[in-house]
Amino acid sequence: MEDIIKKADILVEAIPYIDKFRRKIFVIKYGGSILHDDAIRRGVLEDIVFLSFVGIRIILVHGGGPNISGRLREMGIEPQFHNGIRVTDEKTLQVVIKELDEINDQIVKELRTLGGDVTGLDGDEHIIRVEKKKSDRDLGFVGTITNIEFKRLARRVRMGRITVVAPLGESVEQQPHNVNADEVASAIASSMRAEKFVLLTDVPGVLRDPKDPATLYSTLTTADVEQLKKNKVVTGGMIPKVDSCMDALRGGVPKSHIIDARQDHALLLEIFTDTGIGTQFVQ
């Protein structure tokens, strides 16, 4: 009986958040190694379907880096990166397009199996407009976002559909480009005036000591983030994640979050409880 009462208490705690966020847009980015763990993926997608059921409008942006690298190696092509960006020649671009389309289809299918009303947007939808990314070496078909065709997204979102987006862009020359999924998610969150931008990852959030989960920062401001960068607390792979959260804030999103998708029901715990479990970013 005690366990049942605890469950009821959790539901009661969620009521004001459900009321606050009903009909608001959340943009969630989900990718990396956690995308390919079946148990983690099912938990994440269950949470997303729940959020949709209570009236929150979800745009899910997925990555696909490990799949792409694995497929390239199967073809005898060693993946090339420059400053963390995948160098994307013609052959690599074809693999990127194929793998992202397959991942998009898989996620849509699994969300439907869980009862979600869902639609997928792959590169053929042309909602992400790009120009060739500038760098100190040629990156090939890698794009920098210039515009999001938000009206196409808005039509689906208004219908209450979970919208699954692949990070593929198109230039004015109608050339497909590979685009960083974190950048896509952040740009969509800003263009859609989202209520929240959420990065699902495989770390608890921003930690003062990377080896000690107890040193988690639960809330950080933009000023805090700059100081943590200067002090080398935010380093390496956490920098682009935090930068995406900051970009979303600068674009008008009230709050950004980094949470650990390995935690059961991480999304629900972060959004519907008073304490949350990850790091939230505010102005």
Protein backbone atom coordinates (compact mmCIF):
# COMPACT_ATOMS: atom_id res chain seq x y z
CA MET A 1 0.00 0.00 0.00
CA GLU A 2 2.86 2.39 0.83
CA ASP A 3 4.31 2.01 -2.69
CA ILE A 4 0.90 2.75 -4.21
CA ILE A 5 0.57 5.91 -2.10
CA LYS A 6 4.03 7.05 -3.23
CA LYS A 7 2.98 6.63 -6.85
CA ALA A 8 -0.11 8.70 -6.18
CA ASP A 9 2.00 11.41 -4.51
CA ILE A 10 4.21 11.58 -7.60
CA LEU A 11 1.18 12.03 -9.83
CA VAL A 12 -0.12 14.81 -7.61
CA GLU A 13 3.28 16.52 -7.72
CA ALA A 14 3.13 16.43 -11.52
CA ILE A 15 -0.27 18.15 -11.80
CA PRO A 16 0.94 21.80 -11.78
CA TYR A 17 3.67 20.98 -14.33
CA ILE A 18 1.21 19.23 -16.62
CA ASP A 19 -1.08 22.25 -16.37
CA LYS A 20 1.81 24.65 -17.06
CA PHE A 21 3.24 22.82 -20.05
CA ARG A 22 0.07 21.64 -21.81
CA ARG A 23 0.16 22.75 -25.48
CA LYS A 24 3.74 24.03 -25.07
CA ILE A 25 6.53 22.84 -27.39
CA PHE A 26 9.48 20.80 -26.13
CA VAL A 27 12.42 20.08 -28.44
CA ILE A 28 14.36 16.98 -27.41
CA LYS A 29 17.66 15.88 -28.92
CA TYR A 30 18.48 12.19 -28.66
CA GLY A 31 21.52 10.51 -30.19
CA GLY A 32 24.93 8.99 -29.67
CA SER A 33 25.50 5.57 -28.12
CA ILE A 34 22.35 5.82 -25.97
CA LEU A 35 20.23 5.83 -29.13
CA HIS A 36 21.24 2.24 -29.88
CA ASP A 37 20.69 0.69 -26.45
CA ASP A 38 17.29 -1.02 -26.78
CA ALA A 39 16.32 -0.72 -23.11
CA ILE A 40 17.31 2.96 -22.84
CA ARG A 41 15.62 3.81 -26.14
CA ARG A 42 12.36 2.17 -25.10
CA GLY A 43 12.37 4.08 -21.79
CA VAL A 44 13.02 7.39 -23.55
CA LEU A 45 10.30 6.80 -26.12
CA GLU A 46 7.81 5.75 -23.42
CA ASP A 47 8.47 9.06 -21.65
CA ILE A 48 8.00 10.97 -24.91
CA VAL A 49 4.66 9.26 -25.58
CA PHE A 50 3.56 10.11 -22.03
CA LEU A 51 4.51 13.77 -22.54
CA SER A 52 2.49 13.79 -25.74
CA PHE A 53 -0.51 12.16 -24.05
CA VAL A 54 -0.68 14.94 -21.43
CA GLY A 55 -0.72 17.60 -24.15
CA ILE A 56 2.94 18.57 -24.54
CA ARG A 57 3.95 19.03 -28.17
CA ILE A 58 7.17 17.15 -28.88
CA ILE A 59 9.78 17.64 -31.59
CA LEU A 60 12.41 14.91 -31.36
CA VAL A 61 15.72 15.46 -33.19
CA HIS A 62 17.88 12.35 -33.46
CA GLY A 63 21.52 11.82 -34.32
CA GLY A 64 23.17 8.74 -35.76
CA GLY A 65 26.93 9.12 -35.47
CA PRO A 66 27.80 5.59 -34.26
CA ASN A 67 25.61 3.99 -36.96
CA ILE A 68 27.22 6.11 -39.65
CA SER A 69 30.76 5.36 -38.48
CA GLY A 70 29.99 1.65 -38.21
CA ARG A 71 28.56 1.48 -41.72
CA LEU A 72 31.54 3.38 -43.16
CA ARG A 73 33.97 0.92 -41.55
CA GLU A 74 31.98 -1.99 -42.99
CA MET A 75 32.59 -0.38 -46.41
CA GLY A 76 36.31 -0.09 -45.70
CA ILE A 77 36.16 3.68 -45.17
CA GLU A 78 37.71 5.08 -42.01
CA PRO A 79 35.57 7.95 -40.64
CA GLN A 80 37.34 11.31 -40.68
CA PHE A 81 36.76 14.11 -38.17
CA HIS A 82 38.11 17.64 -37.87
CA ASN A 83 37.58 19.52 -34.60
CA GLY A 84 34.84 17.06 -33.73
CA ILE A 85 33.00 17.51 -37.07
CA ARG A 86 32.55 14.59 -39.47
CA VAL A 87 34.30 15.26 -42.78
CA THR A 88 31.57 14.40 -45.28
CA ASP A 89 32.64 13.61 -48.83
CA GLU A 90 30.21 12.28 -51.46
CA LYS A 91 30.40 8.63 -50.35
CA THR A 92 30.11 9.55 -46.70
CA LEU A 93 27.13 11.80 -47.43
CA GLN A 94 25.25 8.91 -49.05
CA VAL A 95 25.88 6.76 -45.97
CA VAL A 96 24.77 9.63 -43.70
CA ILE A 97 21.49 10.05 -45.62
CA LYS A 98 20.75 6.30 -45.67
CA GLU A 99 21.52 5.72 -41.99
CA LEU A 100 19.61 8.78 -40.76
CA ASP A 101 16.57 7.80 -42.85
CA GLU A 102 16.64 4.30 -41.37
CA ILE A 103 16.97 5.62 -37.80
CA ASN A 104 14.12 8.07 -38.41
CA ASP A 105 11.89 5.26 -39.67
CA GLN A 106 12.82 3.05 -36.72
CA ILE A 107 12.01 5.70 -34.11
CA VAL A 108 8.69 6.53 -35.79
CA LYS A 109 7.75 2.85 -35.90
CA GLU A 110 8.63 2.30 -32.22
CA LEU A 111 6.71 5.39 -31.10
CA ARG A 112 3.66 4.13 -32.99
CA THR A 113 4.00 0.74 -31.33
CA LEU A 114 3.90 2.54 -27.96
CA GLY A 115 0.69 4.31 -28.98
CA GLY A 116 2.16 7.64 -30.05
CA ASP A 117 0.67 9.82 -32.78
CA VAL A 118 3.87 10.47 -34.70
CA THR A 119 5.27 11.66 -38.02
CA GLY A 120 8.82 11.58 -39.35
CA LEU A 121 10.69 14.32 -41.19
CA ASP A 122 13.80 13.20 -43.04
CA GLY A 123 16.10 15.15 -45.34
CA ASP A 124 13.57 15.08 -48.20
CA GLU A 125 11.31 17.46 -46.26
CA HIS A 126 13.88 20.29 -46.62
CA ILE A 127 12.98 22.05 -43.38
CA ILE A 128 16.63 22.81 -42.54
CA ARG A 129 18.26 25.37 -44.83
CA VAL A 130 22.05 25.52 -44.78
CA GLU A 131 25.14 26.91 -46.37
CA LYS A 132 28.50 25.16 -46.55
CA LYS A 133 30.27 25.26 -43.20
CA LYS A 134 33.44 27.34 -43.18
CA SER A 135 36.57 25.80 -41.66
CA ASP A 136 40.36 25.83 -41.92
CA ARG A 137 40.03 22.67 -44.02
CA ASP A 138 37.40 21.48 -46.46
CA LEU A 139 34.74 19.52 -44.54
CA GLY A 140 32.86 18.48 -47.65
CA PHE A 141 29.06 18.47 -47.45
CA VAL A 142 28.73 19.82 -43.91
CA GLY A 143 26.22 22.59 -43.39
CA THR A 144 25.75 25.61 -41.16
CA ILE A 145 22.08 26.38 -40.51
CA THR A 146 20.76 29.55 -42.12
CA ASN A 147 17.03 29.03 -41.63
CA ILE A 148 14.42 26.61 -40.30
CA GLU A 149 11.22 26.21 -42.33
CA PHE A 150 9.20 26.29 -39.13
CA LYS A 151 5.77 26.48 -40.80
CA ARG A 152 6.12 22.89 -41.99
CA LEU A 153 6.97 21.82 -38.47
CA ALA A 154 4.21 23.93 -36.98
CA ARG A 155 1.51 22.22 -39.05
CA ARG A 156 2.39 18.84 -37.57
CA VAL A 157 2.91 20.15 -34.07
CA ARG A 158 -0.50 21.86 -34.06
CA MET A 159 -2.04 18.47 -34.82
CA GLY A 160 -0.49 17.16 -31.59
CA ARG A 161 1.84 14.83 -33.44
CA ILE A 162 5.26 13.84 -32.10
CA THR A 163 7.54 15.03 -34.90
CA VAL A 164 10.81 13.15 -35.45
CA VAL A 165 13.48 15.13 -37.34
CA ALA A 166 16.66 13.88 -39.00
CA PRO A 167 19.60 16.36 -38.99
CA LEU A 168 19.93 16.82 -42.74
CA GLY A 169 19.95 20.21 -44.45
CA GLU A 170 19.68 21.53 -47.97
CA SER A 171 21.52 24.44 -49.57
CA VAL A 172 20.08 26.95 -52.06
CA GLU A 173 21.64 24.76 -54.77
CA GLN A 174 19.41 21.90 -53.49
CA GLN A 175 22.47 20.02 -52.29
CA PRO A 176 21.97 17.84 -49.18
CA HIS A 177 24.33 18.51 -46.27
CA ASN A 178 25.18 16.75 -43.04
CA VAL A 179 24.36 18.96 -40.01
CA ASN A 180 25.26 18.57 -36.34
CA ALA A 181 22.15 17.25 -34.55
CA ASP A 182 22.68 19.40 -31.45
CA GLU A 183 22.76 22.52 -33.65
CA VAL A 184 19.61 21.40 -35.48
CA ALA A 185 17.73 20.81 -32.23
CA SER A 186 18.80 24.16 -30.77
CA ALA A 187 17.88 26.04 -33.95
CA ILE A 188 14.47 24.37 -34.11
CA ALA A 189 13.83 25.16 -30.44
CA SER A 190 14.55 28.84 -31.09
CA SER A 191 12.55 29.08 -34.32
CA MET A 192 9.53 27.30 -32.79
CA ARG A 193 9.63 29.41 -29.61
CA ALA A 194 9.85 26.20 -27.61
CA GLU A 195 9.23 26.15 -23.88
CA LYS A 196 12.12 23.76 -23.29
CA PHE A 197 15.18 22.41 -25.08
CA VAL A 198 16.37 19.05 -23.72
CA LEU A 199 19.62 17.24 -24.53
CA LEU A 200 19.54 13.55 -23.65
CA THR A 201 23.03 12.22 -23.08
CA ASP A 202 25.03 9.63 -21.12
CA VAL A 203 26.21 11.85 -18.26
CA PRO A 204 24.18 13.19 -15.29
CA GLY A 205 24.63 16.81 -16.41
CA VAL A 206 27.38 19.35 -15.68
CA LEU A 207 29.58 18.10 -12.84
CA ARG A 208 32.12 20.07 -10.83
CA ASP A 209 34.08 16.80 -10.55
CA PRO A 210 33.44 14.48 -13.53
CA LYS A 211 34.11 11.45 -11.31
CA ASP A 212 31.62 12.45 -8.61
CA PRO A 213 27.89 12.54 -9.48
CA ALA A 214 27.25 14.30 -6.16
CA THR A 215 28.91 17.43 -7.62
CA LEU A 216 26.10 17.93 -10.16
CA TYR A 217 25.08 21.53 -10.84
CA SER A 218 21.28 21.49 -10.80
CA THR A 219 20.93 25.03 -12.22
CA LEU A 220 23.36 27.22 -14.16
CA THR A 221 23.02 30.69 -15.61
CA THR A 222 24.73 31.92 -18.77
CA ALA A 223 27.25 33.77 -16.58
CA ASP A 224 27.93 30.58 -14.60
CA VAL A 225 28.64 28.68 -17.80
CA GLU A 226 31.21 31.21 -19.01
CA GLN A 227 33.00 31.02 -15.67
CA LEU A 228 32.98 27.21 -15.70
CA LYS A 229 34.52 27.25 -19.17
CA LYS A 230 37.26 29.62 -18.01
CA ASN A 231 37.92 27.38 -15.01
CA LYS A 232 38.12 24.29 -17.25
CA VAL A 233 35.17 22.65 -15.49
CA VAL A 234 33.24 22.47 -18.76
CA THR A 235 35.65 20.85 -21.23
CA GLY A 236 35.85 18.38 -24.11
CA GLY A 237 32.62 16.84 -25.33
CA MET A 238 30.54 18.78 -22.80
CA ILE A 239 31.39 22.10 -24.50
CA PRO A 240 29.22 21.61 -27.64
CA LYS A 241 26.35 20.28 -25.49
CA VAL A 242 26.45 23.31 -23.20
CA ASP A 243 26.89 25.64 -26.19
CA SER A 244 23.72 24.23 -27.77
CA CYS A 245 21.84 24.91 -24.54
CA MET A 246 23.18 28.47 -24.49
CA ASP A 247 22.23 28.99 -28.15
CA ALA A 248 18.67 27.92 -27.35
CA LEU A 249 18.50 30.40 -24.45
CA ARG A 250 19.83 33.19 -26.65
CA GLY A 251 17.17 32.25 -29.18
CA GLY A 252 14.40 32.86 -26.66
CA VAL A 253 13.88 29.40 -25.10
CA PRO A 254 13.20 29.93 -21.35
CA LYS A 255 15.05 26.81 -20.14
CA SER A 256 17.47 24.23 -21.51
CA HIS A 257 18.33 20.92 -19.87
CA ILE A 258 21.05 18.27 -20.04
CA ILE A 259 19.88 14.98 -18.54
CA ASP A 260 21.11 11.39 -18.37
CA ALA A 261 18.95 9.13 -20.54
CA ARG A 262 20.35 6.09 -18.72
CA GLN A 263 18.26 7.06 -15.69
CA ASP A 264 14.85 5.38 -15.78
CA HIS A 265 12.17 7.90 -16.81
CA ALA A 266 14.74 10.70 -16.87
CA LEU A 267 12.50 13.03 -18.88
CA LEU A 268 9.55 12.65 -16.53
CA LEU A 269 11.70 13.13 -13.43
CA GLU A 270 13.30 16.28 -14.82
CA ILE A 271 10.07 17.87 -16.03
CA PHE A 272 7.42 16.75 -13.56
CA THR A 273 9.21 16.82 -10.19
CA ASP A 274 10.24 19.74 -7.98
CA THR A 275 13.92 18.75 -7.79
CA GLY A 276 14.66 17.32 -11.26
CA ILE A 277 17.67 15.11 -11.96
CA GLY A 278 19.91 16.91 -14.46
CA THR A 279 21.33 20.37 -15.11
CA GLN A 280 18.96 23.14 -16.19
CA PHE A 281 20.19 26.34 -17.83
CA VAL A 282 18.48 29.71 -17.42
CA GLN A 283 19.29 33.28 -18.40
